[in-house]
Amino acid sequence: MNIIFGLGMPGGWEWIIIGLIVVIFFGANKIPEIFKGFGKGIREFKDASREIKKEIEKESDSGSEKK
């Protein structure tokens, strides 16, 4: 675990190298599709978490009304 903290977060040049590797492996045309998929996944996760939060609040409100 200490090894992870010792390495730290990548800096500016590291991000550039990582970006170049991604472009080489996936190609420039495929990258927008990948990020579009990430965006959809994040949106679905947020929607699901909002729905769960609403259900919990609804149950909490109905539970306090019964008393």
N, C-alpha and C. Protein backbone atom coordinates (compact mmCIF):
# COMPACT_ATOMS: atom_id res chain seq x y z
N MET A 1 0.82 -1.19 0.00
CA MET A 1 0.00 0.00 0.00
C MET A 1 0.86 1.25 0.00
N ASN A 2 2.01 1.20 0.71
CA ASN A 2 2.90 2.35 0.75
C ASN A 2 3.51 2.63 -0.61
N ILE A 3 3.64 1.60 -1.44
CA ILE A 3 4.21 1.79 -2.77
C ILE A 3 3.32 2.71 -3.59
N ILE A 4 2.02 2.54 -3.48
CA ILE A 4 1.07 3.38 -4.23
C ILE A 4 1.22 4.84 -3.82
N PHE A 5 1.31 5.08 -2.52
CA PHE A 5 1.44 6.45 -2.05
C PHE A 5 2.81 7.03 -2.40
N GLY A 6 3.82 6.19 -2.48
CA GLY A 6 5.16 6.64 -2.84
C GLY A 6 5.25 7.09 -4.29
N LEU A 7 4.45 6.47 -5.14
CA LEU A 7 4.48 6.84 -6.56
C LEU A 7 3.78 8.16 -6.81
N GLY A 8 2.69 8.40 -6.15
CA GLY A 8 1.95 9.65 -6.31
C GLY A 8 1.13 9.66 -7.59
N MET A 9 0.50 10.79 -7.82
CA MET A 9 -0.30 10.97 -9.03
C MET A 9 0.60 11.38 -10.19
N PRO A 10 0.21 10.97 -11.39
CA PRO A 10 1.01 11.37 -12.56
C PRO A 10 0.98 12.88 -12.78
N GLY A 11 2.12 13.41 -13.19
CA GLY A 11 2.22 14.84 -13.47
C GLY A 11 1.90 15.13 -14.92
N GLY A 12 2.28 16.31 -15.38
CA GLY A 12 1.96 16.75 -16.73
C GLY A 12 2.52 15.86 -17.83
N TRP A 13 3.82 15.56 -17.77
CA TRP A 13 4.43 14.74 -18.82
C TRP A 13 3.89 13.32 -18.81
N GLU A 14 3.61 12.80 -17.63
CA GLU A 14 3.07 11.44 -17.55
C GLU A 14 1.71 11.35 -18.21
N TRP A 15 0.87 12.39 -18.02
CA TRP A 15 -0.45 12.39 -18.66
C TRP A 15 -0.33 12.47 -20.17
N ILE A 16 0.64 13.23 -20.65
CA ILE A 16 0.85 13.32 -22.09
C ILE A 16 1.27 11.97 -22.66
N ILE A 17 2.17 11.29 -21.97
CA ILE A 17 2.61 9.97 -22.43
C ILE A 17 1.46 8.97 -22.38
N ILE A 18 0.67 9.00 -21.33
CA ILE A 18 -0.50 8.11 -21.23
C ILE A 18 -1.46 8.40 -22.37
N GLY A 19 -1.71 9.69 -22.66
CA GLY A 19 -2.59 10.05 -23.78
C GLY A 19 -2.07 9.55 -25.11
N LEU A 20 -0.78 9.66 -25.34
CA LEU A 20 -0.20 9.16 -26.59
C LEU A 20 -0.33 7.64 -26.72
N ILE A 21 -0.13 6.94 -25.61
CA ILE A 21 -0.29 5.48 -25.63
C ILE A 21 -1.73 5.10 -25.95
N VAL A 22 -2.69 5.83 -25.36
CA VAL A 22 -4.11 5.55 -25.64
C VAL A 22 -4.41 5.79 -27.12
N VAL A 23 -3.88 6.88 -27.69
CA VAL A 23 -4.11 7.17 -29.10
C VAL A 23 -3.50 6.08 -29.96
N ILE A 24 -2.32 5.61 -29.61
CA ILE A 24 -1.66 4.56 -30.40
C ILE A 24 -2.46 3.27 -30.35
N PHE A 25 -2.94 2.88 -29.15
CA PHE A 25 -3.65 1.62 -29.02
C PHE A 25 -5.05 1.66 -29.62
N PHE A 26 -5.78 2.73 -29.39
CA PHE A 26 -7.18 2.78 -29.79
C PHE A 26 -7.41 3.55 -31.07
N GLY A 27 -6.53 4.44 -31.44
CA GLY A 27 -6.74 5.26 -32.62
C GLY A 27 -7.57 6.48 -32.28
N ALA A 28 -7.34 7.54 -33.02
CA ALA A 28 -8.01 8.81 -32.74
C ALA A 28 -9.52 8.73 -32.97
N ASN A 29 -9.96 7.88 -33.87
CA ASN A 29 -11.40 7.79 -34.17
C ASN A 29 -12.17 7.06 -33.08
N LYS A 30 -11.52 6.19 -32.36
CA LYS A 30 -12.21 5.37 -31.35
C LYS A 30 -12.33 6.09 -30.01
N ILE A 31 -11.49 7.06 -29.74
CA ILE A 31 -11.47 7.73 -28.43
C ILE A 31 -12.80 8.42 -28.10
N PRO A 32 -13.43 9.18 -29.03
CA PRO A 32 -14.73 9.78 -28.67
C PRO A 32 -15.80 8.75 -28.31
N GLU A 33 -15.76 7.60 -28.96
CA GLU A 33 -16.73 6.55 -28.63
C GLU A 33 -16.49 6.01 -27.22
N ILE A 34 -15.23 5.89 -26.85
CA ILE A 34 -14.90 5.40 -25.51
C ILE A 34 -15.41 6.37 -24.45
N PHE A 35 -15.13 7.67 -24.65
CA PHE A 35 -15.59 8.66 -23.67
C PHE A 35 -17.10 8.81 -23.66
N LYS A 36 -17.74 8.59 -24.80
CA LYS A 36 -19.20 8.61 -24.85
C LYS A 36 -19.76 7.48 -23.98
N GLY A 37 -19.14 6.31 -24.06
CA GLY A 37 -19.55 5.19 -23.23
C GLY A 37 -19.34 5.47 -21.75
N PHE A 38 -18.20 6.10 -21.40
CA PHE A 38 -17.95 6.48 -20.01
C PHE A 38 -19.02 7.46 -19.54
N GLY A 39 -19.36 8.42 -20.38
CA GLY A 39 -20.37 9.42 -20.02
C GLY A 39 -21.73 8.79 -19.76
N LYS A 40 -22.11 7.84 -20.61
CA LYS A 40 -23.39 7.15 -20.41
C LYS A 40 -23.38 6.35 -19.11
N GLY A 41 -22.27 5.70 -18.83
CA GLY A 41 -22.17 4.92 -17.60
C GLY A 41 -22.26 5.79 -16.37
N ILE A 42 -21.58 6.93 -16.40
CA ILE A 42 -21.63 7.85 -15.27
C ILE A 42 -23.03 8.41 -15.09
N ARG A 43 -23.70 8.75 -16.20
CA ARG A 43 -25.06 9.27 -16.13
C ARG A 43 -26.01 8.23 -15.54
N GLU A 44 -25.89 6.98 -15.97
CA GLU A 44 -26.75 5.93 -15.44
C GLU A 44 -26.51 5.71 -13.94
N PHE A 45 -25.24 5.78 -13.54
CA PHE A 45 -24.91 5.63 -12.12
C PHE A 45 -25.52 6.75 -11.29
N LYS A 46 -25.43 7.98 -11.79
CA LYS A 46 -26.01 9.12 -11.06
C LYS A 46 -27.53 8.99 -10.97
N ASP A 47 -28.17 8.59 -12.07
CA ASP A 47 -29.62 8.41 -12.05
C ASP A 47 -30.03 7.34 -11.05
N ALA A 48 -29.30 6.23 -11.04
CA ALA A 48 -29.63 5.15 -10.11
C ALA A 48 -29.42 5.59 -8.67
N SER A 49 -28.36 6.35 -8.41
CA SER A 49 -28.12 6.79 -7.03
C SER A 49 -29.19 7.79 -6.59
N ARG A 50 -29.63 8.66 -7.51
CA ARG A 50 -30.72 9.59 -7.16
C ARG A 50 -32.01 8.83 -6.85
N GLU A 51 -32.29 7.80 -7.64
CA GLU A 51 -33.50 7.02 -7.44
C GLU A 51 -33.46 6.30 -6.09
N ILE A 52 -32.33 5.74 -5.76
CA ILE A 52 -32.19 5.05 -4.48
C ILE A 52 -32.34 6.04 -3.33
N LYS A 53 -31.75 7.23 -3.48
CA LYS A 53 -31.85 8.25 -2.44
C LYS A 53 -33.31 8.67 -2.24
N LYS A 54 -34.06 8.82 -3.34
CA LYS A 54 -35.47 9.19 -3.24
C LYS A 54 -36.27 8.09 -2.54
N GLU A 55 -35.96 6.82 -2.86
CA GLU A 55 -36.67 5.71 -2.21
C GLU A 55 -36.38 5.68 -0.71
N ILE A 56 -35.13 5.92 -0.35
CA ILE A 56 -34.78 5.93 1.07
C ILE A 56 -35.50 7.06 1.79
N GLU A 57 -35.52 8.25 1.18
CA GLU A 57 -36.22 9.38 1.80
C GLU A 57 -37.72 9.11 1.89
N LYS A 58 -38.28 8.47 0.87
CA LYS A 58 -39.71 8.15 0.87
C LYS A 58 -40.03 7.18 2.01
N GLU A 59 -39.20 6.15 2.16
CA GLU A 59 -39.40 5.19 3.23
C GLU A 59 -39.21 5.84 4.60
N SER A 60 -38.26 6.74 4.68
CA SER A 60 -38.01 7.44 5.94
C SER A 60 -39.21 8.31 6.31
N ASP A 61 -39.76 9.01 5.32
CA ASP A 61 -40.91 9.85 5.57
C ASP A 61 -42.15 9.03 5.93
N SER A 62 -42.38 7.93 5.25
CA SER A 62 -43.55 7.11 5.54
C SER A 62 -43.39 6.41 6.89
N GLY A 63 -42.16 6.09 7.26
CA GLY A 63 -41.93 5.46 8.57
C GLY A 63 -42.18 6.41 9.72
N SER A 64 -41.84 7.68 9.53
CA SER A 64 -42.06 8.65 10.61
C SER A 64 -43.51 9.04 10.71
N GLU A 65 -44.30 8.92 9.64
CA GLU A 65 -45.71 9.25 9.67
C GLU A 65 -46.51 8.18 10.40
N LYS A 66 -46.03 6.92 10.41
CA LYS A 66 -46.75 5.83 11.07
C LYS A 66 -46.72 5.96 12.57
N LYS A 67 -45.71 6.62 13.13
CA LYS A 67 -45.58 6.72 14.58
C LYS A 67 -46.49 7.71 15.16
